[in-house]
Amino acid sequence: MEPANFFTNLSRYVAPLNDRYRIYLLADKDTSLRYDTARFLIPNVDGVDVRAWPLPLPLDRIPAQKGVIFVDTSQSDPRLKAI
């Protein structure tokens, strides 16, 4: 998928979740919630770009009114077992 289309779809998925969840994006080193398209569509994203690094556990303190959601671009990602 072309980068602009991917980030548009990612942003449309994340935007309605942003007020209720902190988003952890598990992806590759070039994928970010701060990519230009995502930054334009969801400028105040409450998200963590994990990228290709290990998942930081335990997670940072999450506000009481929010939950956590993990968005992974690969179903075979070994970090999913840690979640």
PDB file of N, CA and C in Angstrom:
ATOM      1  N   MET A   1       0.850  -1.173   0.000  1.00  0.00           N
ATOM      2  CA  MET A   1       0.000   0.000   0.000  1.00  0.00           C
ATOM      3  C   MET A   1       0.898   1.239   0.000  1.00  0.00           C
ATOM      4  N   GLU A   2       0.531   2.223  -0.765  1.00  0.00           N
ATOM      5  CA  GLU A   2       1.306   3.458  -0.802  1.00  0.00           C
ATOM      6  C   GLU A   2       1.281   4.123   0.573  1.00  0.00           C
ATOM      7  N   PRO A   3       2.399   4.771   0.965  1.00  0.00           N
ATOM      8  CA  PRO A   3       2.455   5.383   2.305  1.00  0.00           C
ATOM      9  C   PRO A   3       1.291   6.319   2.615  1.00  0.00           C
ATOM     10  N   ALA A   4       0.919   7.182   1.685  1.00  0.00           N
ATOM     11  CA  ALA A   4      -0.166   8.132   1.968  1.00  0.00           C
ATOM     12  C   ALA A   4      -1.465   7.397   2.259  1.00  0.00           C
ATOM     13  N   ASN A   5      -1.777   6.360   1.495  1.00  0.00           N
ATOM     14  CA  ASN A   5      -2.993   5.588   1.735  1.00  0.00           C
ATOM     15  C   ASN A   5      -2.930   4.856   3.063  1.00  0.00           C
ATOM     16  N   PHE A   6      -1.777   4.274   3.377  1.00  0.00           N
ATOM     17  CA  PHE A   6      -1.635   3.564   4.645  1.00  0.00           C
ATOM     18  C   PHE A   6      -1.860   4.508   5.817  1.00  0.00           C
ATOM     19  N   PHE A   7      -1.196   5.663   5.785  1.00  0.00           N
ATOM     20  CA  PHE A   7      -1.310   6.593   6.908  1.00  0.00           C
ATOM     21  C   PHE A   7      -2.686   7.234   6.987  1.00  0.00           C
ATOM     22  N   THR A   8      -3.358   7.401   5.869  1.00  0.00           N
ATOM     23  CA  THR A   8      -4.741   7.891   5.893  1.00  0.00           C
ATOM     24  C   THR A   8      -5.634   6.856   6.561  1.00  0.00           C
ATOM     25  N   ASN A   9      -5.496   5.590   6.188  1.00  0.00           N
ATOM     26  CA  ASN A   9      -6.294   4.531   6.810  1.00  0.00           C
ATOM     27  C   ASN A   9      -5.968   4.387   8.287  1.00  0.00           C
ATOM     28  N   LEU A  10      -4.697   4.429   8.635  1.00  0.00           N
ATOM     29  CA  LEU A  10      -4.294   4.350  10.041  1.00  0.00           C
ATOM     30  C   LEU A  10      -4.905   5.506  10.827  1.00  0.00           C
ATOM     31  N   SER A  11      -4.844   6.701  10.290  1.00  0.00           N
ATOM     32  CA  SER A  11      -5.377   7.878  10.978  1.00  0.00           C
ATOM     33  C   SER A  11      -6.885   7.795  11.152  1.00  0.00           C
ATOM     34  N   ARG A  12      -7.572   7.315  10.143  1.00  0.00           N
ATOM     35  CA  ARG A  12      -9.025   7.166  10.246  1.00  0.00           C
ATOM     36  C   ARG A  12      -9.407   6.111  11.275  1.00  0.00           C
ATOM     37  N   TYR A  13      -8.576   5.115  11.438  1.00  0.00           N
ATOM     38  CA  TYR A  13      -8.829   4.085  12.454  1.00  0.00           C
ATOM     39  C   TYR A  13      -8.567   4.640  13.857  1.00  0.00           C
ATOM     40  N   VAL A  14      -7.480   5.371  14.008  1.00  0.00           N
ATOM     41  CA  VAL A  14      -7.044   5.852  15.323  1.00  0.00           C
ATOM     42  C   VAL A  14      -7.856   7.060  15.809  1.00  0.00           C
ATOM     43  N   ALA A  15      -8.266   7.940  14.923  1.00  0.00           N
ATOM     44  CA  ALA A  15      -8.924   9.198  15.319  1.00  0.00           C
ATOM     45  C   ALA A  15     -10.094   9.011  16.279  1.00  0.00           C
ATOM     46  N   PRO A  16     -11.061   8.120  16.020  1.00  0.00           N
ATOM     47  CA  PRO A  16     -12.177   7.986  16.965  1.00  0.00           C
ATOM     48  C   PRO A  16     -11.788   7.296  18.276  1.00  0.00           C
ATOM     49  N   LEU A  17     -10.630   6.667  18.317  1.00  0.00           N
ATOM     50  CA  LEU A  17     -10.175   5.976  19.532  1.00  0.00           C
ATOM     51  C   LEU A  17      -9.341   6.876  20.425  1.00  0.00           C
ATOM     52  N   ASN A  18      -8.821   7.949  19.877  1.00  0.00           N
ATOM     53  CA  ASN A  18      -7.840   8.778  20.559  1.00  0.00           C
ATOM     54  C   ASN A  18      -8.328   9.356  21.884  1.00  0.00           C
ATOM     55  N   ASP A  19      -9.589   9.716  21.990  1.00  0.00           N
ATOM     56  CA  ASP A  19     -10.095  10.300  23.237  1.00  0.00           C
ATOM     57  C   ASP A  19     -10.264   9.265  24.347  1.00  0.00           C
ATOM     58  N   ARG A  20     -10.405   7.993  23.975  1.00  0.00           N
ATOM     59  CA  ARG A  20     -10.677   6.951  24.969  1.00  0.00           C
ATOM     60  C   ARG A  20      -9.500   6.032  25.268  1.00  0.00           C
ATOM     61  N   TYR A  21      -8.479   6.064  24.396  1.00  0.00           N
ATOM     62  CA  TYR A  21      -7.369   5.124  24.538  1.00  0.00           C
ATOM     63  C   TYR A  21      -6.030   5.803  24.278  1.00  0.00           C
ATOM     64  N   ARG A  22      -4.984   5.273  24.901  1.00  0.00           N
ATOM     65  CA  ARG A  22      -3.619   5.583  24.495  1.00  0.00           C
ATOM     66  C   ARG A  22      -3.247   4.513  23.487  1.00  0.00           C
ATOM     67  N   ILE A  23      -2.792   4.941  22.328  1.00  0.00           N
ATOM     68  CA  ILE A  23      -2.507   4.032  21.229  1.00  0.00           C
ATOM     69  C   ILE A  23      -1.021   3.694  21.217  1.00  0.00           C
ATOM     70  N   TYR A  24      -0.717   2.410  21.191  1.00  0.00           N
ATOM     71  CA  TYR A  24       0.650   1.930  21.024  1.00  0.00           C
ATOM     72  C   TYR A  24       0.740   1.336  19.635  1.00  0.00           C
ATOM     73  N   LEU A  25       1.551   1.954  18.759  1.00  0.00           N
ATOM     74  CA  LEU A  25       1.693   1.491  17.386  1.00  0.00           C
ATOM     75  C   LEU A  25       2.926   0.607  17.278  1.00  0.00           C
ATOM     76  N   LEU A  26       2.696  -0.664  17.034  1.00  0.00           N
ATOM     77  CA  LEU A  26       3.772  -1.630  16.823  1.00  0.00           C
ATOM     78  C   LEU A  26       3.929  -1.779  15.314  1.00  0.00           C
ATOM     79  N   ALA A  27       5.059  -1.368  14.794  1.00  0.00           N
ATOM     80  CA  ALA A  27       5.229  -1.368  13.342  1.00  0.00           C
ATOM     81  C   ALA A  27       6.712  -1.481  13.009  1.00  0.00           C
ATOM     82  N   ASP A  28       7.074  -1.007  11.834  1.00  0.00           N
ATOM     83  CA  ASP A  28       8.482  -1.020  11.458  1.00  0.00           C
ATOM     84  C   ASP A  28       9.117   0.334  11.787  1.00  0.00           C
ATOM     85  N   LYS A  29      10.392   0.468  11.489  1.00  0.00           N
ATOM     86  CA  LYS A  29      11.128   1.677  11.876  1.00  0.00           C
ATOM     87  C   LYS A  29      10.659   2.939  11.148  1.00  0.00           C
ATOM     88  N   ASP A  30       9.941   2.778  10.030  1.00  0.00           N
ATOM     89  CA  ASP A  30       9.504   3.925   9.242  1.00  0.00           C
ATOM     90  C   ASP A  30       8.041   4.303   9.463  1.00  0.00           C
ATOM     91  N   THR A  31       7.361   3.615  10.355  1.00  0.00           N
ATOM     92  CA  THR A  31       5.933   3.860  10.572  1.00  0.00           C
ATOM     93  C   THR A  31       5.745   4.606  11.890  1.00  0.00           C
ATOM     94  N   SER A  32       4.989   5.694  11.823  1.00  0.00           N
ATOM     95  CA  SER A  32       4.831   6.539  13.000  1.00  0.00           C
ATOM     96  C   SER A  32       3.453   7.190  13.022  1.00  0.00           C
ATOM     97  N   LEU A  33       2.960   7.433  14.217  1.00  0.00           N
ATOM     98  CA  LEU A  33       1.732   8.190  14.388  1.00  0.00           C
ATOM     99  C   LEU A  33       1.973   9.678  14.145  1.00  0.00           C
ATOM    100  N   ARG A  34       3.230  10.047  13.933  1.00  0.00           N
ATOM    101  CA  ARG A  34       3.574  11.446  13.684  1.00  0.00           C
ATOM    102  C   ARG A  34       3.959  11.695  12.223  1.00  0.00           C
ATOM    103  N   TYR A  35       3.690  10.723  11.364  1.00  0.00           N
ATOM    104  CA  TYR A  35       3.879  10.915   9.933  1.00  0.00           C
ATOM    105  C   TYR A  35       2.984  12.091   9.523  1.00  0.00           C
ATOM    106  N   ASP A  36       3.355  12.814   8.476  1.00  0.00           N
ATOM    107  CA  ASP A  36       2.640  14.039   8.092  1.00  0.00           C
ATOM    108  C   ASP A  36       1.124  13.865   7.998  1.00  0.00           C
ATOM    109  N   THR A  37       0.667  12.799   7.342  1.00  0.00           N
ATOM    110  CA  THR A  37      -0.778  12.594   7.183  1.00  0.00           C
ATOM    111  C   THR A  37      -1.449  12.391   8.532  1.00  0.00           C
ATOM    112  N   ALA A  38      -0.871  11.532   9.366  1.00  0.00           N
ATOM    113  CA  ALA A  38      -1.448  11.270  10.683  1.00  0.00           C
ATOM    114  C   ALA A  38      -1.409  12.526  11.553  1.00  0.00           C
ATOM    115  N   ARG A  39      -0.321  13.257  11.497  1.00  0.00           N
ATOM    116  CA  ARG A  39      -0.204  14.486  12.296  1.00  0.00           C
ATOM    117  C   ARG A  39      -1.252  15.512  11.887  1.00  0.00           C
ATOM    118  N   PHE A  40      -1.603  15.550  10.608  1.00  0.00           N
ATOM    119  CA  PHE A  40      -2.633  16.469  10.126  1.00  0.00           C
ATOM    120  C   PHE A  40      -4.023  16.017  10.575  1.00  0.00           C
ATOM    121  N   LEU A  41      -4.310  14.715  10.454  1.00  0.00           N
ATOM    122  CA  LEU A  41      -5.657  14.209  10.755  1.00  0.00           C
ATOM    123  C   LEU A  41      -5.907  14.014  12.247  1.00  0.00           C
ATOM    124  N   ILE A  42      -4.879  13.712  13.020  1.00  0.00           N
ATOM    125  CA  ILE A  42      -5.017  13.563  14.473  1.00  0.00           C
ATOM    126  C   ILE A  42      -3.858  14.302  15.160  1.00  0.00           C
ATOM    127  N   PRO A  43      -3.935  15.645  15.185  1.00  0.00           N
ATOM    128  CA  PRO A  43      -2.802  16.443  15.670  1.00  0.00           C
ATOM    129  C   PRO A  43      -2.453  16.229  17.142  1.00  0.00           C
ATOM    130  N   ASN A  44      -3.392  15.841  17.961  1.00  0.00           N
ATOM    131  CA  ASN A  44      -3.125  15.653  19.391  1.00  0.00           C
ATOM    132  C   ASN A  44      -3.237  14.189  19.777  1.00  0.00           C
ATOM    133  N   VAL A  45      -2.638  13.325  18.991  1.00  0.00           N
ATOM    134  CA  VAL A  45      -2.741  11.897  19.254  1.00  0.00           C
ATOM    135  C   VAL A  45      -2.059  11.541  20.579  1.00  0.00           C
ATOM    136  N   ASP A  46      -2.746  10.745  21.365  1.00  0.00           N
ATOM    137  CA  ASP A  46      -2.161  10.214  22.595  1.00  0.00           C
ATOM    138  C   ASP A  46      -1.632   8.834  22.230  1.00  0.00           C
ATOM    139  N   GLY A  47      -0.443   8.820  21.672  1.00  0.00           N
ATOM    140  CA  GLY A  47       0.081   7.564  21.165  1.00  0.00           C
ATOM    141  C   GLY A  47       1.570   7.416  21.377  1.00  0.00           C
ATOM    142  N   VAL A  48       2.003   6.177  21.301  1.00  0.00           N
ATOM    143  CA  VAL A  48       3.408   5.827  21.458  1.00  0.00           C
ATOM    144  C   VAL A  48       3.842   5.086  20.207  1.00  0.00           C
ATOM    145  N   ASP A  49       4.875   5.585  19.549  1.00  0.00           N
ATOM    146  CA  ASP A  49       5.449   4.894  18.399  1.00  0.00           C
ATOM    147  C   ASP A  49       6.474   3.882  18.904  1.00  0.00           C
ATOM    148  N   VAL A  50       6.067   2.650  18.997  1.00  0.00           N
ATOM    149  CA  VAL A  50       6.998   1.612  19.440  1.00  0.00           C
ATOM    150  C   VAL A  50       7.951   1.266  18.304  1.00  0.00           C
ATOM    151  N   ARG A  51       7.447   1.415  17.078  1.00  0.00           N
ATOM    152  CA  ARG A  51       8.205   1.105  15.866  1.00  0.00           C
ATOM    153  C   ARG A  51       8.698  -0.328  15.924  1.00  0.00           C
ATOM    154  N   ALA A  52       9.962  -0.580  15.624  1.00  0.00           N
ATOM    155  CA  ALA A  52      10.490  -1.947  15.594  1.00  0.00           C
ATOM    156  C   ALA A  52      11.196  -2.320  16.898  1.00  0.00           C
ATOM    157  N   TRP A  53      11.104  -1.462  17.898  1.00  0.00           N
ATOM    158  CA  TRP A  53      11.784  -1.708  19.162  1.00  0.00           C
ATOM    159  C   TRP A  53      10.959  -2.626  20.057  1.00  0.00           C
ATOM    160  N   PRO A  54      11.572  -3.172  21.096  1.00  0.00           N
ATOM    161  CA  PRO A  54      10.797  -3.981  22.047  1.00  0.00           C
ATOM    162  C   PRO A  54       9.717  -3.133  22.723  1.00  0.00           C
ATOM    163  N   LEU A  55       8.630  -3.759  23.062  1.00  0.00           N
ATOM    164  CA  LEU A  55       7.535  -3.067  23.742  1.00  0.00           C
ATOM    165  C   LEU A  55       7.991  -2.671  25.144  1.00  0.00           C
ATOM    166  N   PRO A  56       7.871  -1.385  25.506  1.00  0.00           N
ATOM    167  CA  PRO A  56       8.325  -0.948  26.833  1.00  0.00           C
ATOM    168  C   PRO A  56       7.352  -1.407  27.924  1.00  0.00           C
ATOM    169  N   LEU A  57       7.742  -2.404  28.672  1.00  0.00           N
ATOM    170  CA  LEU A  57       6.904  -2.924  29.757  1.00  0.00           C
ATOM    171  C   LEU A  57       7.590  -2.713  31.085  1.00  0.00           C
ATOM    172  N   PRO A  58       6.921  -2.367  32.144  1.00  0.00           N
ATOM    173  CA  PRO A  58       5.494  -2.058  32.175  1.00  0.00           C
ATOM    174  C   PRO A  58       5.227  -0.751  31.421  1.00  0.00           C
ATOM    175  N   LEU A  59       3.986  -0.602  30.999  1.00  0.00           N
ATOM    176  CA  LEU A  59       3.586   0.595  30.267  1.00  0.00           C
ATOM    177  C   LEU A  59       3.645   1.814  31.167  1.00  0.00           C
ATOM    178  N   ASP A  60       3.834   2.976  30.539  1.00  0.00           N
ATOM    179  CA  ASP A  60       3.775   4.228  31.294  1.00  0.00           C
ATOM    180  C   ASP A  60       2.391   4.376  31.919  1.00  0.00           C
ATOM    181  N   ARG A  61       2.300   5.178  32.944  1.00  0.00           N
ATOM    182  CA  ARG A  61       1.024   5.416  33.624  1.00  0.00           C
ATOM    183  C   ARG A  61      -0.008   5.943  32.627  1.00  0.00           C
ATOM    184  N   ILE A  62      -1.162   5.298  32.613  1.00  0.00           N
ATOM    185  CA  ILE A  62      -2.255   5.653  31.713  1.00  0.00           C
ATOM    186  C   ILE A  62      -3.286   6.441  32.525  1.00  0.00           C
ATOM    187  N   PRO A  63      -3.804   7.552  31.996  1.00  0.00           N
ATOM    188  CA  PRO A  63      -4.843   8.285  32.723  1.00  0.00           C
ATOM    189  C   PRO A  63      -6.027   7.370  33.063  1.00  0.00           C
ATOM    190  N   ALA A  64      -6.630   7.582  34.219  1.00  0.00           N
ATOM    191  CA  ALA A  64      -7.713   6.719  34.700  1.00  0.00           C
ATOM    192  C   ALA A  64      -8.889   6.657  33.741  1.00  0.00           C
ATOM    193  N   GLN A  65      -9.137   7.721  32.989  1.00  0.00           N
ATOM    194  CA  GLN A  65     -10.288   7.752  32.090  1.00  0.00           C
ATOM    195  C   GLN A  65      -9.989   7.120  30.731  1.00  0.00           C
ATOM    196  N   LYS A  66      -8.778   6.610  30.548  1.00  0.00           N
ATOM    197  CA  LYS A  66      -8.395   6.022  29.264  1.00  0.00           C
ATOM    198  C   LYS A  66      -8.036   4.561  29.416  1.00  0.00           C
ATOM    199  N   GLY A  67      -8.148   3.869  28.312  1.00  0.00           N
ATOM    200  CA  GLY A  67      -7.669   2.499  28.213  1.00  0.00           C
ATOM    201  C   GLY A  67      -6.439   2.485  27.318  1.00  0.00           C
ATOM    202  N   VAL A  68      -6.028   1.296  26.945  1.00  0.00           N
ATOM    203  CA  VAL A  68      -4.868   1.118  26.079  1.00  0.00           C
ATOM    204  C   VAL A  68      -5.297   0.277  24.892  1.00  0.00           C
ATOM    205  N   ILE A  69      -4.825   0.662  23.726  1.00  0.00           N
ATOM    206  CA  ILE A  69      -5.079  -0.142  22.537  1.00  0.00           C
ATOM    207  C   ILE A  69      -3.751  -0.311  21.802  1.00  0.00           C
ATOM    208  N   PHE A  70      -3.523  -1.517  21.312  1.00  0.00           N
ATOM    209  CA  PHE A  70      -2.323  -1.820  20.555  1.00  0.00           C
ATOM    210  C   PHE A  70      -2.703  -1.992  19.093  1.00  0.00           C
ATOM    211  N   VAL A  71      -2.022  -1.274  18.228  1.00  0.00           N
ATOM    212  CA  VAL A  71      -2.231  -1.394  16.791  1.00  0.00           C
ATOM    213  C   VAL A  71      -0.950  -1.996  16.226  1.00  0.00           C
ATOM    214  N   ASP A  72      -1.089  -3.154  15.612  1.00  0.00           N
ATOM    215  CA  ASP A  72       0.069  -3.858  15.066  1.00  0.00           C
ATOM    216  C   ASP A  72      -0.137  -4.071  13.581  1.00  0.00           C
ATOM    217  N   THR A  73       0.884  -3.782  12.803  1.00  0.00           N
ATOM    218  CA  THR A  73       0.778  -3.923  11.362  1.00  0.00           C
ATOM    219  C   THR A  73       1.081  -5.341  10.891  1.00  0.00           C
ATOM    220  N   SER A  74       1.454  -6.228  11.805  1.00  0.00           N
ATOM    221  CA  SER A  74       1.785  -7.604  11.433  1.00  0.00           C
ATOM    222  C   SER A  74       1.188  -8.578  12.438  1.00  0.00           C
ATOM    223  N   GLN A  75       0.412  -9.529  11.956  1.00  0.00           N
ATOM    224  CA  GLN A  75      -0.179 -10.528  12.848  1.00  0.00           C
ATOM    225  C   GLN A  75       0.850 -11.502  13.394  1.00  0.00           C
ATOM    226  N   SER A  76       2.012 -11.584  12.774  1.00  0.00           N
ATOM    227  CA  SER A  76       3.039 -12.507  13.235  1.00  0.00           C
ATOM    228  C   SER A  76       4.084 -11.836  14.117  1.00  0.00           C
ATOM    229  N   ASP A  77       3.801 -10.630  14.571  1.00  0.00           N
ATOM    230  CA  ASP A  77       4.730  -9.881  15.413  1.00  0.00           C
ATOM    231  C   ASP A  77       4.926 -10.602  16.748  1.00  0.00           C
ATOM    232  N   PRO A  78       6.174 -10.960  17.111  1.00  0.00           N
ATOM    233  CA  PRO A  78       6.402 -11.671  18.378  1.00  0.00           C
ATOM    234  C   PRO A  78       6.075 -10.836  19.608  1.00  0.00           C
ATOM    235  N   ARG A  79       6.004  -9.522  19.471  1.00  0.00           N
ATOM    236  CA  ARG A  79       5.668  -8.668  20.621  1.00  0.00           C
ATOM    237  C   ARG A  79       4.237  -8.852  21.079  1.00  0.00           C
ATOM    238  N   LEU A  80       3.394  -9.406  20.222  1.00  0.00           N
ATOM    239  CA  LEU A  80       1.995  -9.648  20.614  1.00  0.00           C
ATOM    240  C   LEU A  80       1.903 -10.610  21.795  1.00  0.00           C
ATOM    241  N   LYS A  81       2.853 -11.519  21.907  1.00  0.00           N
ATOM    242  CA  LYS A  81       2.849 -12.445  23.051  1.00  0.00           C
ATOM    243  C   LYS A  81       3.073 -11.721  24.360  1.00  0.00           C
ATOM    244  N   ALA A  82       3.834 -10.645  24.356  1.00  0.00           N
ATOM    245  CA  ALA A  82       4.081  -9.866  25.572  1.00  0.00           C
ATOM    246  C   ALA A  82       2.822  -9.152  26.032  1.00  0.00           C
ATOM    247  N   ILE A  83       1.952  -8.841  25.089  1.00  0.00           N
ATOM    248  CA  ILE A  83       0.719  -8.126  25.410  1.00  0.00           C
ATOM    249  C   ILE A  83      -0.247  -9.085  26.045  1.00  0.00           C
TER     250      ILE A  83
END
